[in-house]
N, C-alpha and C. Protein backbone atom coordinates (compact mmCIF):
# COMPACT_ATOMS: atom_id res chain seq x y z
N MET A 1 -14.97 -29.53 -68.28
CA MET A 1 -13.77 -29.99 -68.45
C MET A 1 -12.85 -29.01 -69.03
N ASP A 2 -11.67 -29.06 -68.48
CA ASP A 2 -10.57 -28.06 -68.78
C ASP A 2 -10.05 -28.45 -70.18
N THR A 3 -9.48 -27.41 -70.91
CA THR A 3 -8.83 -27.60 -72.22
C THR A 3 -7.40 -27.55 -72.01
N ILE A 4 -6.70 -28.53 -72.63
CA ILE A 4 -5.27 -28.54 -72.48
C ILE A 4 -4.79 -27.98 -73.93
N GLU A 5 -4.07 -26.95 -73.92
CA GLU A 5 -3.59 -26.34 -75.11
C GLU A 5 -2.12 -26.66 -75.25
N PHE A 6 -1.63 -26.79 -76.48
CA PHE A 6 -0.25 -27.11 -76.57
C PHE A 6 0.11 -26.68 -78.14
N TYR A 7 0.93 -25.66 -78.20
CA TYR A 7 1.37 -25.24 -79.51
C TYR A 7 2.80 -25.15 -79.63
N SER A 8 3.55 -25.83 -78.79
CA SER A 8 5.08 -25.99 -78.56
C SER A 8 5.42 -27.11 -78.21
N THR A 9 6.52 -27.67 -78.39
CA THR A 9 6.98 -29.02 -77.76
C THR A 9 7.65 -28.69 -76.39
N ARG A 10 7.53 -27.53 -75.94
CA ARG A 10 8.04 -27.09 -74.72
C ARG A 10 6.87 -27.02 -73.71
N GLY A 11 7.17 -27.02 -72.35
CA GLY A 11 6.10 -26.83 -71.37
C GLY A 11 5.55 -28.24 -70.97
N THR A 12 4.67 -28.23 -70.13
CA THR A 12 4.16 -29.44 -69.56
C THR A 12 3.49 -30.38 -70.48
N TYR A 13 2.73 -29.88 -71.49
CA TYR A 13 2.13 -30.77 -72.60
C TYR A 13 2.67 -30.86 -73.89
N GLY A 14 3.99 -30.35 -74.01
CA GLY A 14 4.59 -30.30 -75.17
C GLY A 14 4.87 -31.68 -75.80
N ILE A 15 4.75 -32.61 -75.04
CA ILE A 15 4.86 -34.14 -75.50
C ILE A 15 3.78 -34.53 -76.35
N PHE A 16 2.55 -33.72 -76.49
CA PHE A 16 1.47 -34.05 -77.15
C PHE A 16 1.64 -33.36 -78.51
N SER A 17 2.61 -32.59 -78.90
CA SER A 17 2.78 -31.87 -80.19
C SER A 17 3.27 -32.97 -81.10
N ASN A 18 2.77 -32.68 -82.42
CA ASN A 18 3.28 -33.68 -83.53
C ASN A 18 4.76 -33.34 -83.82
N PHE A 19 5.32 -32.10 -83.32
CA PHE A 19 6.71 -31.73 -83.63
C PHE A 19 7.61 -32.37 -82.46
N TYR A 20 7.00 -32.84 -81.36
CA TYR A 20 7.73 -33.51 -80.11
C TYR A 20 8.80 -34.67 -80.77
N ARG A 21 10.10 -34.40 -80.54
CA ARG A 21 10.93 -35.49 -81.03
C ARG A 21 10.87 -36.79 -80.17
N PHE A 22 10.37 -37.57 -80.80
CA PHE A 22 10.02 -38.97 -80.05
C PHE A 22 9.87 -40.07 -81.05
N ASP A 23 10.82 -41.04 -81.13
CA ASP A 23 10.60 -42.19 -82.23
C ASP A 23 9.25 -42.81 -82.06
N VAL A 24 8.74 -43.01 -83.17
CA VAL A 24 7.27 -43.68 -83.16
C VAL A 24 7.61 -44.84 -84.23
N THR A 25 7.27 -46.03 -83.79
CA THR A 25 7.39 -47.32 -84.75
C THR A 25 5.84 -47.48 -85.26
N ILE A 26 5.75 -47.39 -86.53
CA ILE A 26 4.58 -47.88 -87.11
C ILE A 26 4.90 -48.54 -88.32
N ASP A 27 4.19 -49.80 -88.61
CA ASP A 27 4.49 -50.78 -89.61
C ASP A 27 5.92 -51.09 -89.99
N ASP A 28 6.59 -51.25 -88.76
CA ASP A 28 8.06 -51.77 -88.79
C ASP A 28 8.95 -50.69 -89.09
N LYS A 29 8.45 -49.29 -89.27
CA LYS A 29 9.30 -48.27 -89.70
C LYS A 29 9.39 -47.31 -88.51
N ILE A 30 10.57 -46.67 -88.26
CA ILE A 30 10.72 -45.89 -87.15
C ILE A 30 10.68 -44.40 -87.66
N TRP A 31 9.63 -43.61 -87.31
CA TRP A 31 9.39 -42.28 -87.68
C TRP A 31 9.96 -41.40 -86.46
N PRO A 32 10.72 -40.32 -87.00
CA PRO A 32 11.33 -39.42 -85.91
C PRO A 32 10.25 -38.47 -85.02
N THR A 33 9.10 -38.34 -85.68
CA THR A 33 7.96 -37.60 -85.06
C THR A 33 6.75 -38.13 -85.43
N THR A 34 5.54 -37.85 -84.94
CA THR A 34 4.35 -38.05 -85.41
C THR A 34 4.08 -37.15 -86.77
N GLU A 35 4.59 -36.00 -86.69
CA GLU A 35 4.58 -35.15 -87.94
C GLU A 35 5.00 -35.68 -88.96
N HIS A 36 6.08 -36.42 -88.95
CA HIS A 36 6.82 -37.12 -90.32
C HIS A 36 5.75 -38.10 -90.66
N TYR A 37 5.13 -38.89 -89.89
CA TYR A 37 4.27 -39.94 -90.17
C TYR A 37 2.97 -39.30 -90.91
N PHE A 38 2.50 -38.24 -90.11
CA PHE A 38 1.28 -37.65 -90.62
C PHE A 38 1.41 -37.09 -92.17
N GLN A 39 2.60 -36.29 -92.30
CA GLN A 39 2.67 -35.79 -93.75
C GLN A 39 2.91 -36.90 -94.74
N ALA A 40 3.46 -37.87 -94.30
CA ALA A 40 3.77 -38.98 -95.33
C ALA A 40 2.50 -39.67 -95.73
N GLN A 41 1.51 -39.66 -94.85
CA GLN A 41 0.31 -40.20 -95.28
C GLN A 41 -0.52 -39.54 -96.32
N LYS A 42 -0.09 -38.44 -96.63
CA LYS A 42 -0.69 -37.66 -97.67
C LYS A 42 -0.31 -38.21 -99.03
N PHE A 43 0.63 -39.24 -99.04
CA PHE A 43 1.10 -39.86 -100.40
C PHE A 43 1.06 -41.28 -100.29
N PRO A 44 -0.03 -41.98 -100.12
CA PRO A 44 0.00 -43.44 -99.83
C PRO A 44 0.37 -44.23 -100.85
N ASP A 45 0.36 -43.68 -102.18
CA ASP A 45 0.75 -44.45 -103.47
C ASP A 45 2.05 -44.11 -103.97
N GLN A 46 2.83 -43.45 -103.16
CA GLN A 46 4.17 -42.89 -103.31
C GLN A 46 5.13 -43.18 -102.37
N PRO A 47 5.49 -44.58 -102.15
CA PRO A 47 6.53 -44.90 -101.10
C PRO A 47 7.90 -44.24 -101.07
N GLU A 48 8.16 -43.73 -102.32
CA GLU A 48 9.56 -43.06 -102.36
C GLU A 48 9.45 -41.62 -101.79
N VAL A 49 8.33 -41.11 -101.83
CA VAL A 49 7.99 -39.75 -101.15
C VAL A 49 7.76 -39.89 -99.63
N GLN A 50 7.03 -40.93 -99.21
CA GLN A 50 6.99 -41.18 -97.73
C GLN A 50 8.21 -41.46 -97.30
N GLU A 51 9.24 -42.14 -97.87
CA GLU A 51 10.54 -42.45 -97.52
C GLU A 51 11.23 -41.03 -97.28
N LYS A 52 11.17 -40.37 -98.26
CA LYS A 52 11.80 -39.01 -98.29
C LYS A 52 11.53 -38.20 -96.97
N ILE A 53 10.04 -38.18 -96.85
CA ILE A 53 9.67 -37.54 -95.70
C ILE A 53 10.09 -37.89 -94.36
N ARG A 54 9.93 -39.37 -94.24
CA ARG A 54 10.54 -40.08 -93.04
C ARG A 54 11.91 -39.69 -92.67
N ARG A 55 12.75 -39.50 -93.75
CA ARG A 55 14.08 -39.27 -93.49
C ARG A 55 14.54 -37.72 -93.27
N LEU A 56 13.64 -36.81 -93.45
CA LEU A 56 13.95 -35.55 -93.27
C LEU A 56 14.30 -35.06 -91.79
N PRO A 57 15.23 -34.17 -91.73
CA PRO A 57 15.80 -33.99 -90.28
C PRO A 57 14.92 -33.43 -89.29
N SER A 58 13.86 -32.73 -89.73
CA SER A 58 13.15 -32.06 -88.50
C SER A 58 11.53 -32.15 -88.98
N PRO A 59 10.84 -32.11 -88.06
CA PRO A 59 9.31 -32.02 -88.35
C PRO A 59 8.81 -30.72 -89.06
N GLY A 60 9.45 -29.79 -88.93
CA GLY A 60 9.35 -28.62 -89.70
C GLY A 60 9.54 -28.86 -91.39
N ASP A 61 10.56 -29.50 -91.47
CA ASP A 61 11.01 -29.92 -92.88
C ASP A 61 9.93 -30.98 -93.43
N ALA A 62 9.44 -31.73 -92.49
CA ALA A 62 8.20 -32.86 -92.97
C ALA A 62 7.14 -32.09 -93.31
N ALA A 63 6.76 -31.04 -92.54
CA ALA A 63 5.47 -30.28 -92.75
C ALA A 63 5.61 -29.54 -94.06
N ARG A 64 6.77 -28.89 -94.38
CA ARG A 64 6.99 -28.18 -95.60
C ARG A 64 6.91 -29.11 -96.67
N ALA A 65 7.49 -30.35 -96.68
CA ALA A 65 7.33 -31.26 -97.75
C ALA A 65 5.98 -31.68 -98.03
N GLY A 66 5.18 -31.75 -96.85
CA GLY A 66 3.90 -32.27 -97.12
C GLY A 66 3.02 -31.24 -97.82
N ARG A 67 3.37 -30.02 -97.62
CA ARG A 67 2.58 -28.81 -98.19
C ARG A 67 2.96 -28.67 -99.57
N THR A 68 4.21 -28.98 -100.02
CA THR A 68 4.81 -28.75 -101.37
C THR A 68 4.92 -29.81 -102.13
N GLN A 69 4.81 -30.99 -101.85
CA GLN A 69 5.06 -32.21 -102.75
C GLN A 69 3.80 -32.42 -103.65
N SER A 70 4.04 -32.77 -104.88
CA SER A 70 2.95 -32.93 -105.84
C SER A 70 2.34 -34.24 -105.48
N GLY A 71 1.07 -34.62 -105.94
CA GLY A 71 0.61 -35.92 -105.80
C GLY A 71 -0.24 -36.08 -104.45
N LEU A 72 -0.82 -35.09 -103.84
CA LEU A 72 -1.54 -35.31 -102.62
C LEU A 72 -2.62 -36.23 -102.88
N ARG A 73 -2.95 -37.14 -102.11
CA ARG A 73 -4.13 -37.95 -102.10
C ARG A 73 -5.32 -37.16 -102.24
N SER A 74 -6.29 -37.40 -103.25
CA SER A 74 -7.50 -36.76 -103.55
C SER A 74 -8.45 -36.60 -102.35
N ASP A 75 -8.48 -37.62 -101.65
CA ASP A 75 -9.35 -37.67 -100.43
C ASP A 75 -8.89 -37.18 -98.98
N TRP A 76 -7.68 -36.56 -99.08
CA TRP A 76 -6.95 -36.06 -97.89
C TRP A 76 -7.78 -35.42 -96.87
N GLU A 77 -8.59 -34.44 -97.35
CA GLU A 77 -9.52 -33.77 -96.48
C GLU A 77 -10.32 -34.50 -95.75
N GLU A 78 -10.95 -35.55 -96.39
CA GLU A 78 -11.88 -36.41 -95.64
C GLU A 78 -11.22 -37.42 -94.83
N VAL A 79 -10.04 -37.80 -94.93
CA VAL A 79 -9.41 -38.83 -94.26
C VAL A 79 -8.28 -38.33 -93.23
N LYS A 80 -7.78 -37.20 -93.24
CA LYS A 80 -6.73 -36.86 -92.55
C LYS A 80 -6.86 -36.88 -90.94
N ASP A 81 -8.16 -36.70 -90.43
CA ASP A 81 -8.33 -36.98 -89.08
C ASP A 81 -8.97 -38.25 -88.67
N ASP A 82 -8.77 -39.37 -89.48
CA ASP A 82 -9.19 -40.64 -89.12
C ASP A 82 -8.13 -41.32 -88.15
C-alpha cells in the first residue's frame, strides 16, 4: 500500500491537513478547521478556553493556544488519538 504524505494545506492531499480551512460542525458548533477542534479538546472542563480557541483566526493560532494554555487535561496523551 502506498503512503499518502501531507504536511501542507497545498497540493493534492492538502485537504487532509488539520490546518486546511474548511468549516466543520461538531456538537452544533462551527469550527474553522479540525485543528481548532483538536486543540480545544485538550480542555474539556474549560468551555471558555474551548470557545477562545474556536474563535482564533488561524489554525496556527489554535495550535499555539493549545500548547501554551494552562489546564491541559491530565489524560491527554492517552486520549488524543481516540
